[in-house]
N, C-alpha and C. Protein backbone atom coordinates (compact mmCIF):
# COMPACT_ATOMS: atom_id res chain seq x y z
N MET A 1 -13.53 -85.27 -103.32
CA MET A 1 -13.37 -86.25 -102.27
C MET A 1 -11.90 -86.60 -102.14
N THR A 2 -11.44 -86.69 -100.93
CA THR A 2 -10.08 -87.13 -100.68
C THR A 2 -10.11 -88.55 -100.17
N GLU A 3 -8.95 -89.20 -100.24
CA GLU A 3 -8.87 -90.57 -99.75
C GLU A 3 -9.31 -90.66 -98.30
N SER A 4 -8.97 -89.66 -97.49
CA SER A 4 -9.29 -89.72 -96.07
C SER A 4 -10.79 -89.62 -95.80
N SER A 5 -11.58 -89.15 -96.76
CA SER A 5 -13.02 -89.06 -96.55
C SER A 5 -13.74 -90.36 -96.92
N TYR A 6 -13.02 -91.32 -97.45
CA TYR A 6 -13.61 -92.61 -97.80
C TYR A 6 -14.00 -93.33 -96.51
N VAL A 7 -15.19 -93.86 -96.48
CA VAL A 7 -15.74 -94.45 -95.26
C VAL A 7 -14.91 -95.62 -94.75
N LEU A 8 -14.48 -96.50 -95.63
CA LEU A 8 -13.74 -97.70 -95.23
C LEU A 8 -12.35 -97.65 -95.85
N ASP A 9 -11.34 -97.40 -95.03
CA ASP A 9 -9.98 -97.23 -95.48
C ASP A 9 -9.35 -98.57 -95.86
N ASN A 10 -8.88 -98.68 -97.09
CA ASN A 10 -8.28 -99.91 -97.60
C ASN A 10 -6.95 -100.24 -96.91
N ASP A 11 -6.38 -99.30 -96.18
CA ASP A 11 -5.14 -99.54 -95.45
C ASP A 11 -5.38 -100.14 -94.06
N TRP A 12 -6.63 -100.32 -93.70
CA TRP A 12 -6.97 -100.87 -92.40
C TRP A 12 -6.30 -102.24 -92.23
N VAL A 13 -5.79 -102.52 -91.04
CA VAL A 13 -5.05 -103.75 -90.79
C VAL A 13 -5.91 -105.00 -91.02
N TYR A 14 -7.22 -104.91 -90.84
CA TYR A 14 -8.12 -106.06 -91.01
C TYR A 14 -8.88 -106.03 -92.34
N GLU A 15 -8.39 -105.24 -93.29
CA GLU A 15 -9.11 -105.08 -94.55
C GLU A 15 -9.21 -106.39 -95.34
N ARG A 16 -8.16 -107.21 -95.32
CA ARG A 16 -8.22 -108.48 -96.05
C ARG A 16 -9.33 -109.35 -95.48
N GLU A 17 -9.47 -109.37 -94.17
CA GLU A 17 -10.53 -110.16 -93.54
C GLU A 17 -11.91 -109.63 -93.91
N ARG A 18 -12.05 -108.31 -93.98
CA ARG A 18 -13.32 -107.70 -94.38
C ARG A 18 -13.66 -108.09 -95.82
N PHE A 19 -12.67 -108.01 -96.70
CA PHE A 19 -12.89 -108.41 -98.09
C PHE A 19 -13.22 -109.89 -98.20
N ASP A 20 -12.54 -110.72 -97.40
CA ASP A 20 -12.84 -112.17 -97.42
C ASP A 20 -14.30 -112.42 -97.08
N ALA A 21 -14.82 -111.73 -96.09
CA ALA A 21 -16.22 -111.91 -95.70
C ALA A 21 -17.17 -111.46 -96.81
N ILE A 22 -16.88 -110.33 -97.40
CA ILE A 22 -17.71 -109.84 -98.51
C ILE A 22 -17.68 -110.84 -99.66
N GLU A 23 -16.50 -111.30 -100.01
CA GLU A 23 -16.35 -112.22 -101.14
C GLU A 23 -17.07 -113.54 -100.88
N ARG A 24 -16.94 -114.08 -99.67
CA ARG A 24 -17.62 -115.33 -99.33
C ARG A 24 -19.13 -115.20 -99.48
N ASN A 25 -19.65 -114.06 -99.07
CA ASN A 25 -21.10 -113.87 -99.06
C ASN A 25 -21.67 -113.39 -100.40
N LEU A 26 -20.92 -112.59 -101.15
CA LEU A 26 -21.49 -111.96 -102.34
C LEU A 26 -20.96 -112.49 -103.67
N ASP A 27 -19.79 -113.10 -103.68
CA ASP A 27 -19.25 -113.58 -104.95
C ASP A 27 -20.16 -114.58 -105.67
N PRO A 28 -20.78 -115.53 -104.97
CA PRO A 28 -21.64 -116.46 -105.71
C PRO A 28 -22.74 -115.77 -106.52
N GLY A 29 -23.41 -114.78 -105.94
CA GLY A 29 -24.44 -114.05 -106.67
C GLY A 29 -23.88 -113.18 -107.78
N THR A 30 -22.75 -112.56 -107.50
CA THR A 30 -22.11 -111.72 -108.52
C THR A 30 -21.68 -112.57 -109.71
N ILE A 31 -21.05 -113.69 -109.44
CA ILE A 31 -20.57 -114.57 -110.50
C ILE A 31 -21.75 -115.15 -111.28
N TRP A 32 -22.82 -115.47 -110.59
CA TRP A 32 -24.02 -115.94 -111.29
C TRP A 32 -24.51 -114.86 -112.26
N ALA A 33 -24.60 -113.62 -111.78
CA ALA A 33 -25.08 -112.52 -112.64
C ALA A 33 -24.15 -112.30 -113.83
N LEU A 34 -22.84 -112.32 -113.59
CA LEU A 34 -21.89 -112.14 -114.69
C LEU A 34 -21.99 -113.26 -115.71
N THR A 35 -22.23 -114.47 -115.23
CA THR A 35 -22.41 -115.61 -116.13
C THR A 35 -23.69 -115.45 -116.95
N GLU A 36 -24.76 -115.01 -116.31
CA GLU A 36 -26.03 -114.78 -117.01
C GLU A 36 -25.90 -113.67 -118.05
N ILE A 37 -25.12 -112.64 -117.73
CA ILE A 37 -24.88 -111.56 -118.69
C ILE A 37 -24.16 -112.11 -119.92
N GLY A 38 -23.31 -113.10 -119.70
CA GLY A 38 -22.61 -113.73 -120.82
C GLY A 38 -21.18 -113.28 -121.01
N VAL A 39 -20.54 -112.80 -119.93
CA VAL A 39 -19.14 -112.40 -120.03
C VAL A 39 -18.35 -113.55 -120.66
N SER A 40 -17.60 -113.23 -121.72
CA SER A 40 -16.92 -114.30 -122.44
C SER A 40 -15.67 -113.79 -123.15
N ASN A 41 -15.06 -114.68 -123.88
CA ASN A 41 -13.81 -114.42 -124.57
C ASN A 41 -13.88 -113.12 -125.38
N GLY A 42 -12.86 -112.30 -125.21
CA GLY A 42 -12.74 -111.07 -125.99
C GLY A 42 -13.36 -109.84 -125.37
N TRP A 43 -14.08 -110.00 -124.27
CA TRP A 43 -14.71 -108.84 -123.64
C TRP A 43 -13.66 -107.92 -123.01
N ASN A 44 -13.97 -106.63 -122.99
CA ASN A 44 -13.17 -105.62 -122.33
C ASN A 44 -13.96 -105.16 -121.11
N CYS A 45 -13.45 -105.45 -119.91
CA CYS A 45 -14.20 -105.22 -118.68
C CYS A 45 -13.50 -104.22 -117.77
N LEU A 46 -14.30 -103.41 -117.09
CA LEU A 46 -13.79 -102.46 -116.10
C LEU A 46 -14.37 -102.81 -114.74
N GLU A 47 -13.49 -102.99 -113.77
CA GLU A 47 -13.87 -103.25 -112.39
C GLU A 47 -13.58 -101.98 -111.59
N VAL A 48 -14.65 -101.28 -111.16
CA VAL A 48 -14.52 -100.02 -110.43
C VAL A 48 -14.58 -100.31 -108.94
N GLY A 49 -13.48 -100.00 -108.25
CA GLY A 49 -13.38 -100.34 -106.84
C GLY A 49 -13.08 -101.81 -106.67
N ALA A 50 -11.93 -102.23 -107.18
CA ALA A 50 -11.60 -103.65 -107.27
C ALA A 50 -11.43 -104.33 -105.91
N GLY A 51 -11.18 -103.58 -104.86
CA GLY A 51 -11.13 -104.14 -103.51
C GLY A 51 -10.19 -105.31 -103.35
N GLY A 52 -10.74 -106.44 -102.92
CA GLY A 52 -9.94 -107.63 -102.67
C GLY A 52 -9.55 -108.38 -103.91
N GLY A 53 -10.20 -108.12 -105.03
CA GLY A 53 -9.79 -108.67 -106.31
C GLY A 53 -10.47 -109.95 -106.75
N SER A 54 -11.41 -110.46 -105.99
CA SER A 54 -12.01 -111.74 -106.38
C SER A 54 -12.80 -111.65 -107.68
N VAL A 55 -13.56 -110.58 -107.87
CA VAL A 55 -14.33 -110.43 -109.11
C VAL A 55 -13.38 -110.12 -110.26
N THR A 56 -12.39 -109.31 -110.00
CA THR A 56 -11.37 -109.02 -111.01
C THR A 56 -10.73 -110.32 -111.49
N GLU A 57 -10.34 -111.15 -110.56
CA GLU A 57 -9.71 -112.43 -110.91
C GLU A 57 -10.66 -113.31 -111.70
N TRP A 58 -11.92 -113.37 -111.28
CA TRP A 58 -12.89 -114.18 -112.00
C TRP A 58 -13.03 -113.69 -113.43
N LEU A 59 -13.13 -112.37 -113.62
CA LEU A 59 -13.31 -111.80 -114.96
C LEU A 59 -12.15 -112.13 -115.89
N CYS A 60 -10.94 -112.19 -115.36
CA CYS A 60 -9.77 -112.47 -116.20
C CYS A 60 -9.88 -113.82 -116.89
N LYS A 61 -10.57 -114.76 -116.28
CA LYS A 61 -10.65 -116.11 -116.84
C LYS A 61 -11.57 -116.20 -118.06
N PRO A 62 -12.84 -115.79 -117.98
CA PRO A 62 -13.70 -115.96 -119.16
C PRO A 62 -13.36 -115.02 -120.32
N VAL A 63 -12.75 -113.84 -120.06
CA VAL A 63 -12.44 -112.95 -121.18
C VAL A 63 -11.23 -113.44 -121.96
N GLY A 64 -10.43 -114.29 -121.34
CA GLY A 64 -9.32 -114.94 -122.02
C GLY A 64 -8.26 -113.99 -122.53
N SER A 65 -7.36 -114.55 -123.31
CA SER A 65 -6.24 -113.76 -123.83
C SER A 65 -6.67 -112.74 -124.88
N ASP A 66 -7.86 -112.91 -125.45
CA ASP A 66 -8.39 -111.94 -126.41
C ASP A 66 -9.10 -110.79 -125.73
N GLY A 67 -9.34 -110.90 -124.43
CA GLY A 67 -10.04 -109.86 -123.68
C GLY A 67 -9.11 -109.09 -122.77
N GLN A 68 -9.70 -108.16 -122.04
CA GLN A 68 -8.93 -107.30 -121.14
C GLN A 68 -9.78 -106.99 -119.92
N VAL A 69 -9.17 -106.98 -118.76
CA VAL A 69 -9.81 -106.54 -117.53
C VAL A 69 -8.98 -105.39 -116.98
N THR A 70 -9.64 -104.28 -116.71
CA THR A 70 -9.00 -103.13 -116.10
C THR A 70 -9.61 -102.98 -114.71
N ALA A 71 -8.76 -103.00 -113.69
CA ALA A 71 -9.20 -102.86 -112.30
C ALA A 71 -8.71 -101.52 -111.77
N ILE A 72 -9.63 -100.77 -111.18
CA ILE A 72 -9.25 -99.47 -110.61
C ILE A 72 -9.70 -99.40 -109.16
N ASP A 73 -8.89 -98.72 -108.37
CA ASP A 73 -9.22 -98.50 -106.96
C ASP A 73 -8.25 -97.44 -106.44
N LEU A 74 -8.57 -96.89 -105.28
CA LEU A 74 -7.65 -95.95 -104.63
C LEU A 74 -6.42 -96.67 -104.10
N ASN A 75 -6.59 -97.91 -103.71
CA ASN A 75 -5.51 -98.72 -103.15
C ASN A 75 -5.63 -100.11 -103.75
N ASN A 76 -4.64 -100.50 -104.51
CA ASN A 76 -4.68 -101.78 -105.23
C ASN A 76 -3.81 -102.86 -104.60
N ARG A 77 -3.54 -102.77 -103.31
CA ARG A 77 -2.58 -103.68 -102.70
C ARG A 77 -2.97 -105.15 -102.85
N PHE A 78 -4.25 -105.46 -102.91
CA PHE A 78 -4.67 -106.86 -103.07
C PHE A 78 -4.74 -107.25 -104.55
N VAL A 79 -5.21 -106.36 -105.38
CA VAL A 79 -5.34 -106.65 -106.81
C VAL A 79 -3.95 -106.72 -107.46
N ASP A 80 -3.01 -105.97 -106.93
CA ASP A 80 -1.64 -106.01 -107.47
C ASP A 80 -1.01 -107.40 -107.33
N LEU A 81 -1.53 -108.23 -106.46
CA LEU A 81 -1.00 -109.58 -106.27
C LEU A 81 -1.45 -110.54 -107.38
N LEU A 82 -2.47 -110.16 -108.14
CA LEU A 82 -2.98 -111.02 -109.22
C LEU A 82 -2.02 -110.99 -110.40
N ASP A 83 -1.82 -112.14 -111.01
CA ASP A 83 -0.88 -112.25 -112.12
C ASP A 83 -1.58 -112.82 -113.35
N TYR A 84 -2.21 -111.93 -114.11
CA TYR A 84 -2.90 -112.31 -115.35
C TYR A 84 -2.41 -111.40 -116.46
N GLU A 85 -2.11 -111.99 -117.59
CA GLU A 85 -1.62 -111.22 -118.74
C GLU A 85 -2.67 -110.24 -119.25
N ASN A 86 -3.94 -110.55 -119.04
CA ASN A 86 -5.01 -109.71 -119.56
C ASN A 86 -5.55 -108.73 -118.51
N LEU A 87 -4.76 -108.46 -117.49
CA LEU A 87 -5.18 -107.56 -116.40
C LEU A 87 -4.30 -106.31 -116.36
N GLU A 88 -4.97 -105.16 -116.34
CA GLU A 88 -4.32 -103.88 -116.08
C GLU A 88 -4.88 -103.34 -114.78
N VAL A 89 -4.01 -102.89 -113.90
CA VAL A 89 -4.42 -102.36 -112.60
C VAL A 89 -3.96 -100.91 -112.53
N HIS A 90 -4.90 -100.03 -112.14
CA HIS A 90 -4.58 -98.60 -112.04
C HIS A 90 -5.09 -98.04 -110.73
N GLU A 91 -4.23 -97.25 -110.09
CA GLU A 91 -4.68 -96.48 -108.93
C GLU A 91 -5.39 -95.26 -109.48
N LEU A 92 -6.66 -95.16 -109.18
CA LEU A 92 -7.48 -94.11 -109.78
C LEU A 92 -8.58 -93.73 -108.81
N ASN A 93 -8.86 -92.45 -108.74
CA ASN A 93 -9.96 -91.95 -107.94
C ASN A 93 -11.12 -91.69 -108.89
N VAL A 94 -12.12 -92.53 -108.85
CA VAL A 94 -13.23 -92.46 -109.80
C VAL A 94 -14.03 -91.17 -109.66
N VAL A 95 -13.89 -90.49 -108.54
CA VAL A 95 -14.59 -89.21 -108.35
C VAL A 95 -13.89 -88.10 -109.12
N THR A 96 -12.57 -88.05 -109.05
CA THR A 96 -11.84 -86.92 -109.64
C THR A 96 -11.17 -87.24 -110.98
N ASP A 97 -10.94 -88.52 -111.25
CA ASP A 97 -10.29 -88.91 -112.50
C ASP A 97 -11.32 -89.33 -113.54
N ASP A 98 -10.94 -89.17 -114.80
CA ASP A 98 -11.83 -89.55 -115.89
C ASP A 98 -11.70 -91.04 -116.21
N LEU A 99 -12.77 -91.61 -116.74
CA LEU A 99 -12.75 -92.96 -117.28
C LEU A 99 -12.77 -92.85 -118.80
N LEU A 100 -12.27 -93.87 -119.47
CA LEU A 100 -12.37 -93.90 -120.92
C LEU A 100 -13.84 -93.94 -121.32
N VAL A 101 -14.19 -93.36 -122.43
CA VAL A 101 -15.58 -93.28 -122.89
C VAL A 101 -15.81 -94.35 -123.95
N GLU A 102 -16.96 -95.04 -123.83
CA GLU A 102 -17.38 -96.09 -124.77
C GLU A 102 -16.26 -97.10 -125.04
N GLU A 103 -15.65 -97.56 -123.97
CA GLU A 103 -14.51 -98.46 -124.08
C GLU A 103 -14.82 -99.90 -123.67
N TYR A 104 -15.80 -100.09 -122.79
CA TYR A 104 -15.96 -101.38 -122.13
C TYR A 104 -17.26 -102.10 -122.50
N ASP A 105 -17.15 -103.43 -122.54
CA ASP A 105 -18.31 -104.29 -122.73
C ASP A 105 -19.06 -104.50 -121.42
N LEU A 106 -18.32 -104.38 -120.32
CA LEU A 106 -18.90 -104.55 -118.99
C LEU A 106 -18.22 -103.59 -118.04
N VAL A 107 -19.03 -102.91 -117.24
CA VAL A 107 -18.53 -102.15 -116.10
C VAL A 107 -19.18 -102.77 -114.87
N HIS A 108 -18.34 -103.19 -113.93
CA HIS A 108 -18.84 -103.80 -112.69
C HIS A 108 -18.34 -103.01 -111.49
N SER A 109 -19.22 -102.86 -110.52
CA SER A 109 -18.86 -102.23 -109.26
C SER A 109 -19.75 -102.80 -108.17
N ARG A 110 -19.15 -103.01 -107.01
CA ARG A 110 -19.93 -103.53 -105.90
C ARG A 110 -19.63 -102.66 -104.68
N PHE A 111 -20.63 -101.98 -104.20
CA PHE A 111 -20.58 -101.14 -102.99
C PHE A 111 -19.95 -99.77 -103.16
N ILE A 112 -19.17 -99.53 -104.19
CA ILE A 112 -18.44 -98.27 -104.26
C ILE A 112 -19.39 -97.07 -104.25
N LEU A 113 -20.50 -97.16 -104.95
CA LEU A 113 -21.42 -96.03 -105.01
C LEU A 113 -22.04 -95.72 -103.65
N ALA A 114 -22.20 -96.73 -102.83
CA ALA A 114 -22.77 -96.52 -101.49
C ALA A 114 -21.85 -95.69 -100.61
N HIS A 115 -20.57 -95.69 -100.91
CA HIS A 115 -19.58 -94.99 -100.08
C HIS A 115 -19.27 -93.59 -100.57
N LEU A 116 -19.82 -93.20 -101.69
CA LEU A 116 -19.43 -91.92 -102.30
C LEU A 116 -20.56 -90.91 -102.29
N PRO A 117 -20.35 -89.76 -101.68
CA PRO A 117 -21.36 -88.70 -101.78
C PRO A 117 -21.58 -88.28 -103.24
N GLU A 118 -20.55 -88.43 -104.09
CA GLU A 118 -20.62 -88.04 -105.50
C GLU A 118 -21.12 -89.17 -106.38
N ARG A 119 -21.91 -90.08 -105.82
CA ARG A 119 -22.33 -91.30 -106.54
C ARG A 119 -23.03 -91.00 -107.86
N ASP A 120 -23.80 -89.94 -107.94
CA ASP A 120 -24.53 -89.64 -109.18
C ASP A 120 -23.56 -89.33 -110.32
N SER A 121 -22.57 -88.50 -110.06
CA SER A 121 -21.62 -88.16 -111.12
C SER A 121 -20.73 -89.36 -111.46
N VAL A 122 -20.40 -90.18 -110.48
CA VAL A 122 -19.61 -91.38 -110.74
C VAL A 122 -20.41 -92.37 -111.59
N LEU A 123 -21.69 -92.52 -111.29
CA LEU A 123 -22.55 -93.40 -112.06
C LEU A 123 -22.61 -92.95 -113.53
N VAL A 124 -22.69 -91.65 -113.75
CA VAL A 124 -22.69 -91.12 -115.12
C VAL A 124 -21.39 -91.50 -115.83
N LYS A 125 -20.25 -91.36 -115.14
CA LYS A 125 -18.97 -91.74 -115.74
C LYS A 125 -18.95 -93.22 -116.10
N MET A 126 -19.49 -94.05 -115.22
CA MET A 126 -19.50 -95.49 -115.46
C MET A 126 -20.38 -95.82 -116.67
N ILE A 127 -21.51 -95.17 -116.78
CA ILE A 127 -22.40 -95.38 -117.93
C ILE A 127 -21.70 -94.94 -119.21
N GLN A 128 -21.05 -93.79 -119.18
CA GLN A 128 -20.35 -93.29 -120.36
C GLN A 128 -19.18 -94.17 -120.77
N ALA A 129 -18.63 -94.94 -119.83
CA ALA A 129 -17.51 -95.83 -120.13
C ALA A 129 -17.94 -97.05 -120.94
N LEU A 130 -19.23 -97.33 -120.95
CA LEU A 130 -19.76 -98.51 -121.66
C LEU A 130 -19.87 -98.26 -123.16
N ARG A 131 -19.57 -99.29 -123.92
CA ARG A 131 -19.88 -99.27 -125.35
C ARG A 131 -21.40 -99.32 -125.48
N PRO A 132 -21.95 -98.73 -126.51
CA PRO A 132 -23.40 -98.76 -126.69
C PRO A 132 -23.94 -100.19 -126.67
N GLY A 133 -25.01 -100.39 -125.93
CA GLY A 133 -25.68 -101.68 -125.88
C GLY A 133 -25.01 -102.71 -124.98
N ARG A 134 -24.01 -102.31 -124.20
CA ARG A 134 -23.29 -103.26 -123.37
C ARG A 134 -23.81 -103.22 -121.93
N TRP A 135 -23.09 -103.83 -121.00
CA TRP A 135 -23.62 -104.16 -119.69
C TRP A 135 -22.94 -103.43 -118.53
N MET A 136 -23.76 -103.06 -117.54
CA MET A 136 -23.26 -102.60 -116.27
C MET A 136 -23.90 -103.43 -115.18
N LEU A 137 -23.09 -103.89 -114.23
CA LEU A 137 -23.58 -104.61 -113.07
C LEU A 137 -23.10 -103.88 -111.84
N VAL A 138 -24.05 -103.32 -111.09
CA VAL A 138 -23.74 -102.56 -109.87
C VAL A 138 -24.52 -103.21 -108.74
């Protein structure tokens, strides 16, 4: 998959507005689920398709200085604006690039699989990125 085959281009002039609408409507449920999972101090979290960065930013707070949040996307222009010591941001194509194996306590993604014809292989990578017995929220 190339960047140009992605259904919704992150360089679109109205992309921030699109992300704002998604965040307004979906963040409350996502945050509720992450809270129920028990995301807390010291967790190592991966955000696949970080988009506008609202979930990435939320994750940085409960994992604290003992934890780590890694945000990946094809275009990180919004996530790059976040300033957290426990945040690493990487431009990465989850279809063609590898993820670390058994590294994360939580892997979160919202909508990315719906946009990828290679969703099955990406889902396998996301599962393999989890430490045994840990959590994925898609």
